Amino acid sequence: MSHTAVSPDAVSRVDGEFPTHRSVTVQMTGGLDGAHRVITMLRTRRYHVRDLTVSIREGVVVSEVRCTVVSTTTDTALLLERLRRIPIVVAADNA
């Protein structure tokens, strides 16, 4: 029998919701600096990011960050709201 310790920050339950993998897509301006701002927000807010892909192309105004986070429906809605408050974010959606 194996036991895995999970910190309270990693898993939250709100009204019977359990965390699961949620895909999030962020379109933003600013190239690498814009991607850095999005990633920094994810890190400072301690979101449990399972994977992350950044797509930046020369000559294209809008870049993209795709990630999978472990969160509840409520926490994902809050994440999207926080992302949309960042001035360089054009769109943030639960893909």
C-alpha atoms as a PDB file:
ATOM      1  CA  MET A   1       0.000   0.000   0.000  1.00  0.00           C
ATOM      2  CA  SER A   2       1.400   3.350  -0.958  1.00  0.00           C
ATOM      3  CA  HIS A   3       0.472   6.746   0.421  1.00  0.00           C
ATOM      4  CA  THR A   4       0.857  10.026  -1.392  1.00  0.00           C
ATOM      5  CA  ALA A   5       0.882  13.274   0.537  1.00  0.00           C
ATOM      6  CA  VAL A   6      -0.990  16.116  -1.142  1.00  0.00           C
ATOM      7  CA  SER A   7      -0.645  19.655   0.084  1.00  0.00           C
ATOM      8  CA  PRO A   8      -3.848  21.637   0.748  1.00  0.00           C
ATOM      9  CA  ASP A   9      -2.742  24.163  -1.908  1.00  0.00           C
ATOM     10  CA  ALA A  10      -2.599  21.483  -4.595  1.00  0.00           C
ATOM     11  CA  VAL A  11      -6.157  20.209  -4.168  1.00  0.00           C
ATOM     12  CA  SER A  12      -9.240  22.164  -3.163  1.00  0.00           C
ATOM     13  CA  ARG A  13     -12.852  21.101  -2.764  1.00  0.00           C
ATOM     14  CA  VAL A  14     -15.614  23.652  -3.163  1.00  0.00           C
ATOM     15  CA  ASP A  15     -19.220  22.525  -2.827  1.00  0.00           C
ATOM     16  CA  GLY A  16     -18.398  18.926  -3.688  1.00  0.00           C
ATOM     17  CA  GLU A  17     -16.253  19.804  -6.721  1.00  0.00           C
ATOM     18  CA  PHE A  18     -13.138  17.757  -7.263  1.00  0.00           C
ATOM     19  CA  PRO A  19     -10.109  18.900  -9.231  1.00  0.00           C
ATOM     20  CA  THR A  20      -9.535  17.456 -12.679  1.00  0.00           C
ATOM     21  CA  HIS A  21      -7.408  18.293 -15.719  1.00  0.00           C
ATOM     22  CA  ARG A  22      -8.651  21.440 -17.473  1.00  0.00           C
ATOM     23  CA  SER A  23      -7.257  22.744 -20.766  1.00  0.00           C
ATOM     24  CA  VAL A  24      -6.778  26.499 -20.998  1.00  0.00           C
ATOM     25  CA  THR A  25      -5.844  28.497 -24.098  1.00  0.00           C
ATOM     26  CA  VAL A  26      -4.592  32.071 -23.835  1.00  0.00           C
ATOM     27  CA  GLN A  27      -4.091  34.361 -26.825  1.00  0.00           C
ATOM     28  CA  MET A  28      -1.952  37.367 -26.083  1.00  0.00           C
ATOM     29  CA  THR A  29       0.207  40.066 -27.613  1.00  0.00           C
ATOM     30  CA  GLY A  30       3.774  40.853 -26.672  1.00  0.00           C
ATOM     31  CA  GLY A  31       5.501  37.717 -27.962  1.00  0.00           C
ATOM     32  CA  LEU A  32       7.896  36.170 -25.467  1.00  0.00           C
ATOM     33  CA  ASP A  33       7.323  38.935 -22.900  1.00  0.00           C
ATOM     34  CA  GLY A  34       3.566  38.349 -23.088  1.00  0.00           C
ATOM     35  CA  ALA A  35       4.017  34.592 -22.627  1.00  0.00           C
ATOM     36  CA  HIS A  36       6.309  35.279 -19.682  1.00  0.00           C
ATOM     37  CA  ARG A  37       3.618  37.419 -18.002  1.00  0.00           C
ATOM     38  CA  VAL A  38       1.019  34.642 -18.403  1.00  0.00           C
ATOM     39  CA  ILE A  39       3.383  31.957 -17.108  1.00  0.00           C
ATOM     40  CA  THR A  40       4.450  34.159 -14.197  1.00  0.00           C
ATOM     41  CA  MET A  41       0.802  34.620 -13.174  1.00  0.00           C
ATOM     42  CA  LEU A  42       0.245  30.847 -13.256  1.00  0.00           C
ATOM     43  CA  ARG A  43       3.353  30.328 -11.124  1.00  0.00           C
ATOM     44  CA  THR A  44       2.748  33.087  -8.569  1.00  0.00           C
ATOM     45  CA  ARG A  45      -0.876  31.959  -8.071  1.00  0.00           C
ATOM     46  CA  ARG A  46       0.392  28.384  -7.614  1.00  0.00           C
ATOM     47  CA  TYR A  47      -1.728  26.732 -10.268  1.00  0.00           C
ATOM     48  CA  HIS A  48      -0.831  23.067 -10.729  1.00  0.00           C
ATOM     49  CA  VAL A  49       0.256  23.129 -14.381  1.00  0.00           C
ATOM     50  CA  ARG A  50       0.530  19.641 -15.912  1.00  0.00           C
ATOM     51  CA  ASP A  51       1.768  20.704 -19.353  1.00  0.00           C
ATOM     52  CA  LEU A  52       2.441  23.961 -21.144  1.00  0.00           C
ATOM     53  CA  THR A  53       2.995  24.917 -24.782  1.00  0.00           C
ATOM     54  CA  VAL A  54       3.948  28.360 -26.061  1.00  0.00           C
ATOM     55  CA  SER A  55       3.470  29.292 -29.711  1.00  0.00           C
ATOM     56  CA  ILE A  56       5.262  32.463 -30.828  1.00  0.00           C
ATOM     57  CA  ARG A  57       5.821  33.204 -34.502  1.00  0.00           C
ATOM     58  CA  GLU A  58       7.833  36.032 -35.995  1.00  0.00           C
ATOM     59  CA  GLY A  59       5.654  38.602 -37.741  1.00  0.00           C
ATOM     60  CA  VAL A  60       2.440  37.449 -36.035  1.00  0.00           C
ATOM     61  CA  VAL A  61       0.850  39.864 -33.579  1.00  0.00           C
ATOM     62  CA  VAL A  62      -1.019  37.326 -31.418  1.00  0.00           C
ATOM     63  CA  SER A  63       0.823  34.469 -29.703  1.00  0.00           C
ATOM     64  CA  GLU A  64      -0.632  31.573 -27.739  1.00  0.00           C
ATOM     65  CA  VAL A  65      -0.082  29.723 -24.479  1.00  0.00           C
ATOM     66  CA  ARG A  66      -1.853  26.384 -24.005  1.00  0.00           C
ATOM     67  CA  CYS A  67      -1.735  24.563 -20.725  1.00  0.00           C
ATOM     68  CA  THR A  68      -3.458  21.926 -18.658  1.00  0.00           C
ATOM     69  CA  VAL A  69      -4.114  22.767 -15.028  1.00  0.00           C
ATOM     70  CA  VAL A  70      -5.511  20.635 -12.240  1.00  0.00           C
ATOM     71  CA  SER A  71      -8.446  22.581 -10.816  1.00  0.00           C
ATOM     72  CA  THR A  72     -12.143  22.597 -10.071  1.00  0.00           C
ATOM     73  CA  THR A  73     -14.723  24.250 -12.302  1.00  0.00           C
ATOM     74  CA  THR A  74     -14.895  27.207  -9.902  1.00  0.00           C
ATOM     75  CA  ASP A  75     -11.109  27.590  -9.754  1.00  0.00           C
ATOM     76  CA  THR A  76     -10.879  27.411 -13.558  1.00  0.00           C
ATOM     77  CA  ALA A  77     -13.438  30.207 -13.914  1.00  0.00           C
ATOM     78  CA  LEU A  78     -11.354  32.327 -11.509  1.00  0.00           C
ATOM     79  CA  LEU A  79      -8.182  31.521 -13.480  1.00  0.00           C
ATOM     80  CA  LEU A  80      -9.806  32.659 -16.731  1.00  0.00           C
ATOM     81  CA  GLU A  81     -11.002  35.859 -15.066  1.00  0.00           C
ATOM     82  CA  ARG A  82      -7.496  36.573 -13.757  1.00  0.00           C
ATOM     83  CA  LEU A  83      -5.959  35.924 -17.165  1.00  0.00           C
ATOM     84  CA  ARG A  84      -8.433  38.239 -18.895  1.00  0.00           C
ATOM     85  CA  ARG A  85      -7.444  41.068 -16.516  1.00  0.00           C
ATOM     86  CA  ILE A  86      -3.880  41.028 -17.848  1.00  0.00           C
ATOM     87  CA  PRO A  87      -3.687  43.883 -20.386  1.00  0.00           C
ATOM     88  CA  ILE A  88      -1.807  41.873 -23.050  1.00  0.00           C
ATOM     89  CA  VAL A  89      -4.366  39.026 -23.041  1.00  0.00           C
ATOM     90  CA  VAL A  90      -6.655  39.098 -26.073  1.00  0.00           C
ATOM     91  CA  ALA A  91      -8.643  35.972 -25.128  1.00  0.00           C
ATOM     92  CA  ALA A  92      -8.587  33.225 -22.482  1.00  0.00           C
ATOM     93  CA  ASP A  93     -10.789  30.174 -22.829  1.00  0.00           C
ATOM     94  CA  ASN A  94     -11.327  26.756 -21.324  1.00  0.00           C
ATOM     95  CA  ALA A  95     -10.572  24.678 -24.406  1.00  0.00           C
END
